[in-house]
Amino acid sequence: MMKTAVGWHVELEFQEDGQHTRAAAMVRLPDGSEIRGHGRASRHRTDSDQPRVGEEIAGARALNELAMELLTKAHEEIDSASGRTSQPIHV
């Protein structure tokens, strides 16, 4: 039986100007570190005004960057603990 050892809370914030959406994602880890990712989306002038779509795209891009930063952090911790260079972690 698996037990939940920790929980992570991810925060997403958005800024929009009608044409562009920017997203910032951040997670605080139990070791006290914070990992951040950013994403952007742009609305083509012929597209209808759908702010939620811009948020979804920018948010997904920010979360993707956050995921890559987490993988990098884990990879560095593996190397540090083992004293050698490990194989890259792929998504």
C-alpha atoms as a PDB file:
ATOM      1  CA  MET A   1       0.000   0.000   0.000  1.00  0.00           C
ATOM      2  CA  MET A   2       1.358   3.406  -0.991  1.00  0.00           C
ATOM      3  CA  LYS A   3       1.317   6.294   1.433  1.00  0.00           C
ATOM      4  CA  THR A   4       1.379   9.960   0.514  1.00  0.00           C
ATOM      5  CA  ALA A   5       4.602  11.371   1.926  1.00  0.00           C
ATOM      6  CA  VAL A   6       4.302  14.964   0.733  1.00  0.00           C
ATOM      7  CA  GLY A   7       2.063  17.224  -1.287  1.00  0.00           C
ATOM      8  CA  TRP A   8       3.092  19.922  -3.733  1.00  0.00           C
ATOM      9  CA  HIS A   9       1.107  23.026  -4.508  1.00  0.00           C
ATOM     10  CA  VAL A  10       1.620  24.585  -7.917  1.00  0.00           C
ATOM     11  CA  GLU A  11       0.703  28.227  -8.411  1.00  0.00           C
ATOM     12  CA  LEU A  12      -0.184  29.690 -11.801  1.00  0.00           C
ATOM     13  CA  GLU A  13      -0.593  33.395 -12.481  1.00  0.00           C
ATOM     14  CA  PHE A  14      -1.673  35.018 -15.722  1.00  0.00           C
ATOM     15  CA  GLN A  15      -1.315  38.429 -17.299  1.00  0.00           C
ATOM     16  CA  GLU A  16      -3.305  39.347 -20.397  1.00  0.00           C
ATOM     17  CA  ASP A  17      -3.467  42.400 -22.614  1.00  0.00           C
ATOM     18  CA  GLY A  18      -6.090  41.238 -25.122  1.00  0.00           C
ATOM     19  CA  GLN A  19      -3.500  40.056 -27.652  1.00  0.00           C
ATOM     20  CA  HIS A  20      -0.986  38.216 -25.454  1.00  0.00           C
ATOM     21  CA  THR A  21      -1.182  35.983 -22.412  1.00  0.00           C
ATOM     22  CA  ARG A  22       1.735  35.314 -20.103  1.00  0.00           C
ATOM     23  CA  ALA A  23       1.780  32.612 -17.464  1.00  0.00           C
ATOM     24  CA  ALA A  24       4.101  32.061 -14.525  1.00  0.00           C
ATOM     25  CA  ALA A  25       4.133  28.712 -12.715  1.00  0.00           C
ATOM     26  CA  MET A  26       5.854  28.017  -9.419  1.00  0.00           C
ATOM     27  CA  VAL A  27       6.131  25.046  -7.085  1.00  0.00           C
ATOM     28  CA  ARG A  28       7.650  25.071  -3.597  1.00  0.00           C
ATOM     29  CA  LEU A  29       9.341  21.791  -2.791  1.00  0.00           C
ATOM     30  CA  PRO A  30       9.727  20.192   0.652  1.00  0.00           C
ATOM     31  CA  ASP A  31      13.480  20.969   0.585  1.00  0.00           C
ATOM     32  CA  GLY A  32      12.607  24.687   0.528  1.00  0.00           C
ATOM     33  CA  SER A  33      13.520  25.276  -3.093  1.00  0.00           C
ATOM     34  CA  GLU A  34      11.205  26.941  -5.584  1.00  0.00           C
ATOM     35  CA  ILE A  35      11.052  25.931  -9.230  1.00  0.00           C
ATOM     36  CA  ARG A  36       9.575  28.325 -11.795  1.00  0.00           C
ATOM     37  CA  GLY A  37       8.421  28.134 -15.381  1.00  0.00           C
ATOM     38  CA  HIS A  38       7.025  30.688 -17.823  1.00  0.00           C
ATOM     39  CA  GLY A  39       4.828  30.470 -20.891  1.00  0.00           C
ATOM     40  CA  ARG A  40       3.314  32.755 -23.483  1.00  0.00           C
ATOM     41  CA  ALA A  41       0.467  32.693 -25.963  1.00  0.00           C
ATOM     42  CA  SER A  42      -0.441  35.191 -28.671  1.00  0.00           C
ATOM     43  CA  ARG A  43      -3.822  35.661 -30.296  1.00  0.00           C
ATOM     44  CA  HIS A  44      -3.814  36.156 -34.058  1.00  0.00           C
ATOM     45  CA  ARG A  45      -5.707  39.289 -35.035  1.00  0.00           C
ATOM     46  CA  THR A  46      -8.288  37.227 -36.932  1.00  0.00           C
ATOM     47  CA  ASP A  47      -8.992  34.901 -33.973  1.00  0.00           C
ATOM     48  CA  SER A  48     -11.966  35.541 -31.730  1.00  0.00           C
ATOM     49  CA  ASP A  49     -11.306  36.887 -28.240  1.00  0.00           C
ATOM     50  CA  GLN A  50     -11.113  33.768 -26.030  1.00  0.00           C
ATOM     51  CA  PRO A  51      -8.979  34.572 -22.976  1.00  0.00           C
ATOM     52  CA  ARG A  52      -9.376  31.082 -21.523  1.00  0.00           C
ATOM     53  CA  VAL A  53      -7.708  29.542 -24.585  1.00  0.00           C
ATOM     54  CA  GLY A  54      -4.734  31.866 -24.168  1.00  0.00           C
ATOM     55  CA  GLU A  55      -4.530  30.896 -20.505  1.00  0.00           C
ATOM     56  CA  GLU A  56      -4.620  27.205 -21.367  1.00  0.00           C
ATOM     57  CA  ILE A  57      -1.834  27.526 -23.935  1.00  0.00           C
ATOM     58  CA  ALA A  58       0.373  29.837 -21.849  1.00  0.00           C
ATOM     59  CA  GLY A  59      -0.319  27.752 -18.736  1.00  0.00           C
ATOM     60  CA  ALA A  60       0.590  24.512 -20.478  1.00  0.00           C
ATOM     61  CA  ARG A  61       3.832  26.036 -21.723  1.00  0.00           C
ATOM     62  CA  ALA A  62       4.690  27.318 -18.233  1.00  0.00           C
ATOM     63  CA  LEU A  63       3.961  23.903 -16.706  1.00  0.00           C
ATOM     64  CA  ASN A  64       6.058  22.219 -19.398  1.00  0.00           C
ATOM     65  CA  GLU A  65       9.002  24.483 -18.549  1.00  0.00           C
ATOM     66  CA  LEU A  66       8.418  23.786 -14.853  1.00  0.00           C
ATOM     67  CA  ALA A  67       8.504  20.042 -15.573  1.00  0.00           C
ATOM     68  CA  MET A  68      11.796  20.367 -17.438  1.00  0.00           C
ATOM     69  CA  GLU A  69      13.300  22.328 -14.530  1.00  0.00           C
ATOM     70  CA  LEU A  70      12.172  19.602 -12.111  1.00  0.00           C
ATOM     71  CA  LEU A  71      13.787  16.931 -14.294  1.00  0.00           C
ATOM     72  CA  THR A  72      17.031  18.941 -14.382  1.00  0.00           C
ATOM     73  CA  LYS A  73      16.980  19.327 -10.595  1.00  0.00           C
ATOM     74  CA  ALA A  74      16.404  15.589 -10.110  1.00  0.00           C
ATOM     75  CA  HIS A  75      19.183  14.753 -12.580  1.00  0.00           C
ATOM     76  CA  GLU A  76      21.634  17.025 -10.726  1.00  0.00           C
ATOM     77  CA  GLU A  77      20.670  15.448  -7.398  1.00  0.00           C
ATOM     78  CA  ILE A  78      21.233  11.945  -8.797  1.00  0.00           C
ATOM     79  CA  ASP A  79      24.688  12.981 -10.044  1.00  0.00           C
ATOM     80  CA  SER A  80      25.560  14.673  -6.764  1.00  0.00           C
ATOM     81  CA  ALA A  81      24.541  11.668  -4.659  1.00  0.00           C
ATOM     82  CA  SER A  82      26.264   9.114  -6.907  1.00  0.00           C
ATOM     83  CA  GLY A  83      29.427  11.099  -7.671  1.00  0.00           C
ATOM     84  CA  ARG A  84      29.144  10.322 -11.363  1.00  0.00           C
ATOM     85  CA  THR A  85      27.362  11.586 -14.452  1.00  0.00           C
ATOM     86  CA  SER A  86      24.107   9.715 -14.988  1.00  0.00           C
ATOM     87  CA  GLN A  87      22.129   9.217 -18.160  1.00  0.00           C
ATOM     88  CA  PRO A  88      19.847  12.125 -19.113  1.00  0.00           C
ATOM     89  CA  ILE A  89      16.292  11.912 -17.873  1.00  0.00           C
ATOM     90  CA  HIS A  90      13.867  11.975 -20.797  1.00  0.00           C
ATOM     91  CA  VAL A  91      10.238  13.010 -20.739  1.00  0.00           C
END
